[in-house]
Amino acid sequence: MNAGEGFFAPQGARRLPVQRWRDGELAGAAELVADEVPVALVYNGISHAVMLASPQDLEDFALGFSLGERIVRDARDIHDIDVEQAGHGIAIEMRIAAGAMMRLKETRRARTGKTGCGLCGVESLERFGEDAFAELGEGAQAGFAPAALHRAMAAMAARQDLHHATGAVHAAGWAGRDGELLCVREDIGRHNALDKLVGALARGKADTTDGFAVVTSRASFEMVQKAARAGFPLLAAVSAPTALAVQVAERAGLTLAGFVRGGRHVLYSHPQRLAPEAG
């Protein structure tokens, strides 16, 4: 079955006419295709970044991005979020606390155009070194059972409506200590999906140290950095990490698991947190 064939159209997808080649014949058909729209993040009237994203859960995205980029230190620093159609895309207008706006003006970076780019606008290698690493707090030290990790990853498939419909998006999920999948967010960009998850958890005042995150992508530097800054003790990816991601995870105190599939996984950092006797 092709992506979109026989599926309803979830938010973030549209049905488009296509020509489908099958068994030596070309025939007209309709296919569900993932939306990809420019999303401007605007703080106190100043446009800071334009990202390409899926157009759902955008309040979660705005909050998660703001926390991950350290534009705000706490969800309470954002007083209002308004999502509006604007020109060829969507504008997310946020009113943030004066202190947060002052920090943003001091450290403002241009991050326009790509789905996710961890280094866009960093002025120097020295600044990269300052920005790259985050450390987990003392509350993120408890362990998890491997069975919980695989239970969460296996449950992701049933929660990815947009991916089932289009075959074009990533997902990030949050699971409790027993591996029960409690929250999932999807986006065309893996970074955006994780931002949406972080924002959803912050809006729900979830304790991020009492569970772990799973992602349907590789674990890049920025994915690990976002996970550490959110306070996740463990990040599990269905694919591989990069060497820089492993370095950041090791320094941050984050347990990084890759190739989590088929009952197997590889631990790249802080393996003590994921042991058979953990519960």
Protein backbone atom coordinates (compact mmCIF):
# COMPACT_ATOMS: atom_id res chain seq x y z
CA MET A 1 0.00 0.00 0.00
CA ASN A 2 1.33 3.43 -0.92
CA ALA A 3 1.59 6.19 1.66
CA GLY A 4 -1.80 7.79 1.93
CA GLU A 5 -3.68 5.05 0.10
CA GLY A 6 -6.74 4.08 2.11
CA PHE A 7 -5.93 6.48 4.97
CA PHE A 8 -7.96 9.42 6.25
CA ALA A 9 -6.33 12.84 5.93
CA PRO A 10 -4.94 13.83 9.34
CA GLN A 11 -4.00 17.37 10.23
CA GLY A 12 -0.75 18.22 8.49
CA ALA A 13 -1.54 16.33 5.27
CA ARG A 14 -3.38 17.14 2.07
CA ARG A 15 -4.67 14.94 -0.73
CA LEU A 16 -3.10 15.73 -4.13
CA PRO A 17 -3.63 14.27 -7.60
CA VAL A 18 -0.78 12.04 -8.80
CA GLN A 19 0.05 9.64 -11.61
CA ARG A 20 0.75 6.19 -10.20
CA TRP A 21 2.75 3.58 -12.13
CA ARG A 22 1.75 0.02 -11.23
CA ASP A 23 2.10 -3.29 -13.09
CA GLY A 24 3.15 -1.59 -16.29
CA GLU A 25 0.29 0.89 -16.36
CA LEU A 26 -0.02 4.57 -15.48
CA ALA A 27 -3.22 5.72 -13.83
CA GLY A 28 -4.49 8.83 -12.12
CA ALA A 29 -4.89 8.64 -8.34
CA ALA A 30 -4.89 10.72 -5.16
CA GLU A 31 -2.09 10.64 -2.62
CA LEU A 32 -1.78 12.12 0.86
CA VAL A 33 1.26 14.40 1.06
CA ALA A 34 2.71 15.97 4.20
CA ASP A 35 2.41 19.73 4.51
CA GLU A 36 5.65 21.68 4.87
CA VAL A 37 5.18 25.34 5.69
CA PRO A 38 7.39 28.24 6.75
CA VAL A 39 6.77 29.03 10.40
CA ALA A 40 8.05 32.35 11.76
CA LEU A 41 8.79 32.55 15.48
CA VAL A 42 8.22 36.13 16.59
CA TYR A 43 9.12 37.42 20.06
CA ASN A 44 7.63 40.71 21.24
CA GLY A 45 7.16 41.76 17.62
CA ILE A 46 10.67 40.77 16.48
CA SER A 47 11.00 37.85 14.04
CA HIS A 48 13.77 35.58 15.31
CA ALA A 49 13.62 32.45 13.16
CA VAL A 50 11.77 30.93 10.23
CA MET A 51 11.57 27.14 10.30
CA LEU A 52 10.01 24.67 7.88
CA ALA A 53 7.58 22.57 9.89
CA SER A 54 4.37 20.58 9.91
CA PRO A 55 1.48 22.93 10.73
CA GLN A 56 0.06 21.15 13.77
CA ASP A 57 0.84 21.42 17.51
CA LEU A 58 2.46 24.78 16.83
CA GLU A 59 1.99 26.15 20.34
CA ASP A 60 3.94 23.13 21.60
CA PHE A 61 6.57 23.81 18.94
CA ALA A 62 6.90 27.46 19.92
CA LEU A 63 7.37 26.65 23.60
CA GLY A 64 9.72 23.72 23.00
CA PHE A 65 11.86 25.70 20.57
CA SER A 66 12.03 28.63 22.98
CA LEU A 67 13.12 26.39 25.85
CA GLY A 68 15.59 24.41 23.73
CA GLU A 69 17.23 27.56 22.42
CA ARG A 70 17.27 29.01 25.95
CA ILE A 71 15.31 32.02 24.80
CA VAL A 72 13.16 31.42 27.88
CA ARG A 73 14.20 29.52 30.99
CA ASP A 74 10.68 28.51 32.04
CA ALA A 75 7.29 28.12 30.34
CA ARG A 76 6.02 30.96 32.55
CA ASP A 77 8.34 33.36 30.70
CA ILE A 78 5.98 33.13 27.72
CA HIS A 79 2.86 35.12 28.51
CA ASP A 80 0.92 34.67 25.25
CA ILE A 81 1.19 32.54 22.10
CA ASP A 82 -0.86 33.43 19.00
CA VAL A 83 -0.73 31.34 15.83
CA GLU A 84 -1.77 33.22 12.69
CA GLN A 85 -1.68 32.74 8.93
CA ALA A 86 0.80 35.23 7.49
CA GLY A 87 1.60 35.57 3.78
CA HIS A 88 2.94 32.26 2.51
CA GLY A 89 3.26 30.67 5.93
CA ILE A 90 2.39 30.89 9.61
CA ALA A 91 3.52 33.37 12.24
CA ILE A 92 3.70 32.40 15.89
CA GLU A 93 3.55 35.61 17.87
CA MET A 94 4.84 35.29 21.43
CA ARG A 95 4.89 37.83 24.22
CA ILE A 96 7.77 36.99 26.55
CA ALA A 97 9.07 38.37 29.84
CA ALA A 98 11.31 41.43 29.73
CA GLY A 99 14.31 39.51 31.07
CA ALA A 100 13.96 36.83 28.41
CA MET A 101 13.68 39.46 25.69
CA MET A 102 16.83 41.15 26.93
CA ARG A 103 18.74 37.84 26.73
CA LEU A 104 17.35 37.21 23.26
CA LYS A 105 18.55 40.59 22.01
CA GLU A 106 22.01 39.97 23.46
CA THR A 107 22.43 36.53 21.92
CA ARG A 108 20.20 36.79 18.84
CA ARG A 109 21.14 34.48 16.01
CA ALA A 110 19.77 34.24 12.47
CA ARG A 111 18.31 30.76 11.91
CA THR A 112 16.28 31.21 8.76
CA GLY A 113 15.18 28.57 6.32
CA LYS A 114 16.12 25.02 7.28
CA THR A 115 14.13 22.34 9.05
CA GLY A 116 16.73 22.18 11.82
CA CYS A 117 20.29 23.41 12.03
CA GLY A 118 22.16 23.36 15.29
CA LEU A 119 24.89 25.79 14.29
CA CYS A 120 23.12 28.34 12.09
CA GLY A 121 24.33 31.77 13.14
CA VAL A 122 26.90 30.75 15.74
CA GLU A 123 29.57 33.40 15.46
CA SER A 124 32.64 31.34 16.36
CA LEU A 125 33.97 27.96 17.41
CA GLU A 126 34.49 29.37 20.89
CA ARG A 127 30.80 30.31 21.07
CA PHE A 128 29.87 26.84 19.84
CA GLY A 129 31.84 25.34 22.71
CA GLU A 130 29.99 27.55 25.17
CA ASP A 131 26.56 26.69 23.73
CA ALA A 132 27.00 22.99 22.99
CA PHE A 133 26.92 21.30 26.36
CA ALA A 134 24.19 20.95 28.95
CA GLU A 135 24.26 18.96 32.16
CA LEU A 136 21.39 17.02 33.69
CA GLY A 137 20.24 17.82 37.17
CA GLU A 138 20.45 15.51 40.17
CA GLY A 139 16.86 14.35 39.63
CA ALA A 140 17.73 12.43 36.45
CA GLN A 141 19.80 9.61 37.93
CA ALA A 142 17.34 6.70 38.23
CA GLY A 143 17.59 3.67 35.93
CA PHE A 144 15.23 2.01 33.47
CA ALA A 145 14.61 -1.57 32.38
CA PRO A 146 15.49 -2.48 28.77
CA ALA A 147 11.99 -3.92 28.34
CA ALA A 148 10.53 -0.46 28.99
CA LEU A 149 12.70 1.03 26.26
CA HIS A 150 11.52 -1.49 23.67
CA ARG A 151 7.91 -1.27 24.77
CA ALA A 152 7.93 2.46 24.11
CA MET A 153 9.64 2.20 20.74
CA ALA A 154 7.27 -0.55 19.60
CA ALA A 155 4.27 1.58 20.58
CA MET A 156 5.40 4.53 18.46
CA ALA A 157 4.10 3.04 15.19
CA ALA A 158 0.48 3.05 16.32
CA ARG A 159 0.71 6.72 17.35
CA GLN A 160 2.11 8.11 14.08
CA ASP A 161 -1.04 9.00 12.15
CA LEU A 162 0.65 11.58 9.94
CA HIS A 163 3.52 9.27 9.05
CA HIS A 164 1.16 6.40 8.24
CA ALA A 165 -0.77 8.69 5.94
CA THR A 166 2.20 10.29 4.16
CA GLY A 167 5.39 8.31 4.89
CA ALA A 168 7.22 11.62 5.27
CA VAL A 169 7.48 12.65 8.92
CA HIS A 170 9.39 11.89 12.11
CA ALA A 171 8.04 11.43 15.61
CA ALA A 172 9.27 12.01 19.15
CA GLY A 173 7.60 10.33 22.10
CA TRP A 174 7.70 10.44 25.88
CA ALA A 175 7.33 7.29 27.95
CA GLY A 176 6.91 6.65 31.65
CA ARG A 177 9.30 4.51 33.64
CA ASP A 178 7.44 1.33 32.64
CA GLY A 179 7.67 2.17 28.94
CA GLU A 180 4.06 3.27 28.51
CA LEU A 181 3.99 5.86 25.74
CA LEU A 182 2.34 8.96 27.19
CA CYS A 183 2.85 11.66 24.56
CA VAL A 184 3.82 11.72 20.87
CA ARG A 185 4.42 14.60 18.48
CA GLU A 186 5.09 14.43 14.72
CA ASP A 187 6.78 16.77 12.26
CA ILE A 188 8.60 16.72 8.95
CA GLY A 189 11.72 17.68 10.88
CA ARG A 190 13.12 15.44 13.59
CA HIS A 191 14.28 18.50 15.55
CA ASN A 192 10.83 20.04 15.30
CA ALA A 193 9.15 16.84 16.50
CA LEU A 194 11.37 16.87 19.58
CA ASP A 195 10.70 20.57 20.17
CA LYS A 196 6.96 19.87 19.99
CA LEU A 197 7.34 17.05 22.52
CA VAL A 198 9.34 19.26 24.90
CA GLY A 199 6.72 21.98 24.58
CA ALA A 200 3.83 19.59 25.21
CA LEU A 201 5.51 18.25 28.34
CA ALA A 202 6.27 21.75 29.60
CA ARG A 203 2.67 22.83 29.01
CA GLY A 204 1.50 19.78 30.96
CA LYS A 205 4.04 20.41 33.74
CA ALA A 206 5.42 16.88 33.34
CA ASP A 207 8.44 15.74 35.35
CA THR A 208 10.90 15.08 32.53
CA THR A 209 13.28 13.21 34.84
CA ASP A 210 10.70 10.47 35.50
CA GLY A 211 10.66 8.93 32.03
CA PHE A 212 12.54 8.94 28.75
CA ALA A 213 12.30 10.08 25.13
CA VAL A 214 12.19 7.96 21.97
CA VAL A 215 12.70 9.29 18.44
CA THR A 216 12.18 7.78 14.99
CA SER A 217 15.38 9.21 13.57
CA ARG A 218 19.11 9.32 14.04
CA ALA A 219 20.45 11.01 17.16
CA SER A 220 22.30 14.08 15.95
CA PHE A 221 24.17 16.58 18.11
CA GLU A 222 21.18 18.90 18.29
CA MET A 223 18.75 16.12 19.22
CA VAL A 224 20.97 15.15 22.15
CA GLN A 225 21.45 18.77 23.17
CA LYS A 226 17.69 19.39 23.15
CA ALA A 227 17.09 16.21 25.17
CA ALA A 228 19.68 17.17 27.79
CA ARG A 229 18.39 20.73 28.08
CA ALA A 230 14.87 19.36 28.58
CA GLY A 231 16.13 17.22 31.48
CA PHE A 232 15.53 13.84 29.83
CA PRO A 233 17.74 11.21 31.47
CA LEU A 234 17.62 8.91 28.43
CA LEU A 235 17.19 9.37 24.69
CA ALA A 236 16.47 6.32 22.53
CA ALA A 237 16.78 6.55 18.75
CA VAL A 238 15.68 4.00 16.19
CA SER A 239 18.79 4.83 14.13
CA ALA A 240 22.41 5.77 14.79
CA PRO A 241 23.97 8.71 16.66
CA THR A 242 26.80 10.87 15.44
CA ALA A 243 30.15 10.98 17.21
CA LEU A 244 29.52 14.54 18.38
CA ALA A 245 26.12 13.48 19.75
CA VAL A 246 27.81 10.75 21.79
CA GLN A 247 30.37 13.25 23.10
CA VAL A 248 27.64 15.67 24.15
CA ALA A 249 25.58 12.89 25.77
CA GLU A 250 28.58 11.65 27.74
CA ARG A 251 29.40 15.09 29.04
CA ALA A 252 25.78 15.92 29.82
CA GLY A 253 25.15 12.73 31.80
CA LEU A 254 22.53 11.56 29.30
CA THR A 255 22.08 7.89 28.47
CA LEU A 256 22.05 7.59 24.67
CA ALA A 257 20.69 4.45 23.03
CA GLY A 258 20.76 3.85 19.27
CA PHE A 259 19.48 1.20 16.88
CA VAL A 260 16.57 0.49 19.23
CA ARG A 261 14.68 -2.05 17.18
CA GLY A 262 13.94 -5.76 17.06
CA GLY A 263 14.65 -6.29 20.74
CA ARG A 264 18.19 -4.94 20.42
CA HIS A 265 19.90 -1.65 21.17
CA VAL A 266 23.37 -0.12 21.48
CA LEU A 267 24.31 2.07 24.46
CA TYR A 268 26.73 4.87 23.65
CA SER A 269 26.89 6.79 26.93
CA HIS A 270 26.09 6.24 30.61
CA PRO A 271 24.97 2.61 30.18
CA GLN A 272 24.50 2.20 33.96
CA ARG A 273 21.08 3.86 33.70
CA LEU A 274 19.71 1.05 31.50
CA ALA A 275 20.30 -2.31 33.17
CA PRO A 276 18.22 -5.52 33.39
CA GLU A 277 17.68 -5.08 37.12
CA ALA A 278 16.56 -1.44 36.77
CA GLY A 279 12.90 -0.87 37.57
